[in-house]
Each structure stands twice: as structure tokens, then as C-alpha cells.
């Protein structure tokens, strides 16, 4: 019963925090300090072309490679004492300062240019959250843009100012 309740609560909190728009994906991430940061992830149509690959190969990455690139960028890399490298493991890092990152889905998008939209979840602070990465088919990363919260609806009535004495 308890896990089912947590799943429903998590779904109710996550779904309103993200929305697919015609301009990409808009989502919210609660930072470790408790502040919500809104992001818009939009791939522009006027990206400069990738530099030619000196090996002569096409330079296009696979869906699995896009997932690896996304986790490394979103949560960072950790090299263990034995020399192994962990992606998105227990040490928070990367763009979102996340740990314990898992890939939920990787979807190829064809517009405005080909890219992989990678949906992940991981811990930021003490909360498991959903966040995204856009990986171009040549492996480049499109960073999300931090956007401000929508302004609060003005309240009618008197304004109260609290002064410490």
C-alpha cells in the first residue's frame, strides 16, 4: 500500500513540473538548496554543422551512446580507486549536480535538426527527480536554458510588510 501511495504522489508532483511545448521541453528541478529552477530545453534550428570527423566516418552516435553522453553530462563522472569510471553514480556532479542517475527513455527527434531527447531521473539533494538532455546525433550537447518562474498572480487586498524589531 505504501509504495503505491508514493508512486501516485511522485506522479502527481512530476507531471505538472514538465511540459512538452512546441519549443521543446519545459521542466522544473528542485535544487539541493530547496529552490525550484525552471528550464527550457530547445534545440535551435540554426546550429552550426559539426566539425568533419578526421576518420572519414559519419560521426553519428547511436541511441545507446546518446544515453551514455547524457548521463555523463547531467551527473558527471567518478573515477574509483580501482580505476573504473562510474557515470551518474553516488557522487553528485554534472550539470544538474545529480547522483544515482537512470535513463528513463531516449527518443530520436527529427525537428528542427536530428537529436536524441534523453529523459533521466536521479537524486538532487534528497529528492529523486526527472530531468532531460538533448544530444545531437553527432554527440554535441544542447544545454537547457534556465528560465524564471511565471510571475505570481497579483493578490487583491493590502500589502503587508514585516519588519524585525
Protein backbone atom coordinates (compact mmCIF):
# COMPACT_ATOMS: atom_id res chain seq x y z
CA UNK A 1 0.00 0.00 0.00
CA UNK A 2 2.75 2.48 0.99
CA UNK A 3 4.84 2.09 -2.24
CA UNK A 4 1.69 2.56 -4.34
CA UNK A 5 0.87 5.78 -2.49
CA UNK A 6 4.42 7.05 -3.04
CA UNK A 7 4.17 6.26 -6.76
CA UNK A 8 0.93 8.19 -7.09
CA UNK A 9 2.36 11.11 -5.14
CA UNK A 10 5.53 11.15 -7.25
CA UNK A 11 3.48 11.07 -10.46
CA UNK A 12 1.32 13.95 -9.26
CA UNK A 13 4.39 16.03 -8.41
CA UNK A 14 6.44 15.25 -11.54
CA UNK A 15 3.83 15.54 -14.30
CA UNK A 16 2.93 19.19 -13.63
CA UNK A 17 6.64 20.04 -13.39
CA UNK A 18 7.31 19.20 -17.01
CA UNK A 19 5.50 20.04 -20.18
CA UNK A 20 6.27 19.40 -23.81
CA UNK A 21 5.96 22.60 -25.76
CA UNK A 22 6.23 23.42 -29.41
CA UNK A 23 9.55 24.99 -28.44
CA UNK A 24 10.97 21.90 -26.73
CA UNK A 25 10.55 20.67 -23.18
CA UNK A 26 9.95 22.87 -20.16
CA UNK A 27 10.59 21.33 -16.74
CA UNK A 28 11.41 22.18 -13.16
CA UNK A 29 14.19 20.82 -10.95
CA UNK A 30 14.34 21.36 -7.20
CA UNK A 31 17.93 22.21 -6.38
CA UNK A 32 19.74 20.91 -3.32
CA UNK A 33 19.07 24.21 -1.51
CA UNK A 34 15.29 23.70 -2.00
CA UNK A 35 14.85 26.34 -4.71
CA UNK A 36 12.94 25.29 -7.83
CA UNK A 37 14.78 26.04 -11.09
CA UNK A 38 12.76 26.03 -14.30
CA UNK A 39 14.44 25.03 -17.55
CA UNK A 40 13.53 25.07 -21.21
CA UNK A 41 15.31 22.59 -23.43
CA UNK A 42 15.02 23.71 -27.02
CA UNK A 43 17.19 22.66 -29.95
CA UNK A 44 17.67 25.64 -32.26
CA UNK A 45 17.32 25.18 -35.99
CA UNK A 46 20.36 27.34 -36.80
CA UNK A 47 23.07 25.20 -35.18
CA UNK A 48 26.44 25.29 -36.88
CA UNK A 49 27.35 21.97 -38.51
CA UNK A 50 29.61 19.57 -36.65
CA UNK A 51 33.31 19.63 -37.49
CA UNK A 52 34.24 16.92 -40.02
CA UNK A 53 35.38 13.65 -38.50
CA UNK A 54 39.06 13.07 -39.49
CA UNK A 55 38.49 9.30 -39.67
CA UNK A 56 36.02 9.73 -42.51
CA UNK A 57 33.16 8.03 -40.65
CA UNK A 58 29.73 9.61 -40.47
CA UNK A 59 30.24 10.63 -36.82
CA UNK A 60 26.63 9.84 -35.91
CA UNK A 61 26.08 8.31 -32.50
CA UNK A 62 23.63 5.56 -31.59
CA UNK A 63 20.72 5.77 -29.19
CA UNK A 64 22.76 3.92 -26.53
CA UNK A 65 25.73 6.24 -26.99
CA UNK A 66 23.42 9.25 -26.62
CA UNK A 67 22.21 7.86 -23.27
CA UNK A 68 25.82 7.50 -22.05
CA UNK A 69 26.71 11.03 -23.15
CA UNK A 70 23.58 12.40 -21.46
CA UNK A 71 24.23 10.73 -18.09
CA UNK A 72 27.88 11.80 -18.10
CA UNK A 73 26.91 15.40 -18.83
CA UNK A 74 23.92 15.53 -16.46
CA UNK A 75 25.53 13.82 -13.46
CA UNK A 76 29.26 13.72 -14.11
CA UNK A 77 31.91 11.05 -13.93
CA UNK A 78 33.50 9.45 -10.90
CA UNK A 79 36.76 7.51 -11.11
CA UNK A 80 37.13 4.88 -8.41
CA UNK A 81 40.34 3.88 -6.66
CA UNK A 82 40.47 0.76 -8.86
CA UNK A 83 40.50 2.97 -11.98
CA UNK A 84 36.92 2.29 -13.07
CA UNK A 85 34.76 5.20 -14.18
CA UNK A 86 31.17 5.41 -12.97
CA UNK A 87 28.61 7.55 -14.75
CA UNK A 88 26.00 9.27 -12.61
CA UNK A 89 26.80 7.17 -9.56
CA UNK A 90 26.84 8.10 -5.87
CA UNK A 91 28.91 11.30 -6.15
CA UNK A 92 26.74 14.26 -7.25
CA UNK A 93 28.07 16.15 -10.24
CA UNK A 94 27.48 17.32 -13.77
CA UNK A 95 25.05 19.97 -14.98
CA UNK A 96 22.28 19.03 -12.54
CA UNK A 97 24.60 18.05 -9.64
CA UNK A 98 22.73 14.75 -9.57
CA UNK A 99 23.58 11.28 -8.32
CA UNK A 100 22.17 7.78 -8.89
CA UNK A 101 21.01 8.69 -12.40
CA UNK A 102 19.00 6.29 -14.54
CA UNK A 103 17.84 6.75 -18.11
CA UNK A 104 14.05 6.54 -18.48
CA UNK A 105 13.85 6.97 -22.25
CA UNK A 106 15.76 8.03 -25.33
CA UNK A 107 13.70 9.31 -28.24
CA UNK A 108 15.03 10.36 -31.63
CA UNK A 109 13.63 13.73 -32.67
CA UNK A 110 13.90 14.88 -36.28
CA UNK A 111 12.96 18.52 -35.96
CA UNK A 112 14.34 21.16 -36.07
CA UNK A 113 17.53 19.10 -36.52
CA UNK A 114 18.09 15.42 -35.63
CA UNK A 115 18.75 14.89 -31.91
CA UNK A 116 18.07 12.45 -29.08
CA UNK A 117 15.83 13.63 -26.25
CA UNK A 118 17.01 11.76 -23.16
CA UNK A 119 14.74 11.64 -20.10
CA UNK A 120 16.53 10.69 -16.89
CA UNK A 121 15.83 10.55 -13.20
CA UNK A 122 18.25 10.94 -10.34
CA UNK A 123 18.76 12.36 -6.89
CA UNK A 124 19.35 16.07 -6.48
CA UNK A 125 19.78 16.69 -2.79
CA UNK A 126 17.46 14.20 -1.13
CA UNK A 127 14.81 14.15 -3.88
CA UNK A 128 14.59 11.84 -6.91
CA UNK A 129 13.63 13.99 -9.89
CA UNK A 130 13.18 13.89 -13.65
CA UNK A 131 15.41 15.93 -15.95
CA UNK A 132 16.41 15.99 -19.61
CA UNK A 133 19.26 16.24 -22.08
CA UNK A 134 19.30 16.95 -25.80
CA UNK A 135 22.12 15.14 -27.60
CA UNK A 136 22.68 15.95 -31.26
CA UNK A 137 23.23 12.95 -33.50
CA UNK A 138 26.92 13.93 -33.75
CA UNK A 139 27.29 13.78 -29.93
CA UNK A 140 27.16 17.50 -29.12
CA UNK A 141 25.03 18.59 -26.17
CA UNK A 142 22.40 21.34 -26.22
CA UNK A 143 22.22 22.89 -22.78
CA UNK A 144 18.84 23.75 -21.29
CA UNK A 145 18.18 27.41 -20.61
CA UNK A 146 17.29 28.48 -17.08
CA UNK A 147 14.01 30.38 -17.16
CA UNK A 148 12.30 32.26 -14.38
CA UNK A 149 9.13 31.10 -12.76
CA UNK A 150 5.93 32.55 -14.07
CA UNK A 151 5.06 35.61 -12.02
CA UNK A 152 2.58 35.10 -9.23
CA UNK A 153 -0.94 36.31 -9.82
CA UNK A 154 -1.36 39.64 -8.02
CA UNK A 155 -3.50 39.34 -4.93
CA UNK A 156 -6.14 41.96 -4.21
CA UNK A 157 -6.04 43.45 -0.77
CA UNK A 158 -3.49 45.14 1.38
CA UNK A 159 0.23 44.59 1.20
CA UNK A 160 1.82 43.65 4.48
CA UNK A 161 5.42 44.38 5.28
CA UNK A 162 7.08 42.61 8.17
CA UNK A 163 9.79 44.47 10.00
CA UNK A 164 12.09 42.89 12.53
CA UNK A 165 12.44 44.92 15.69
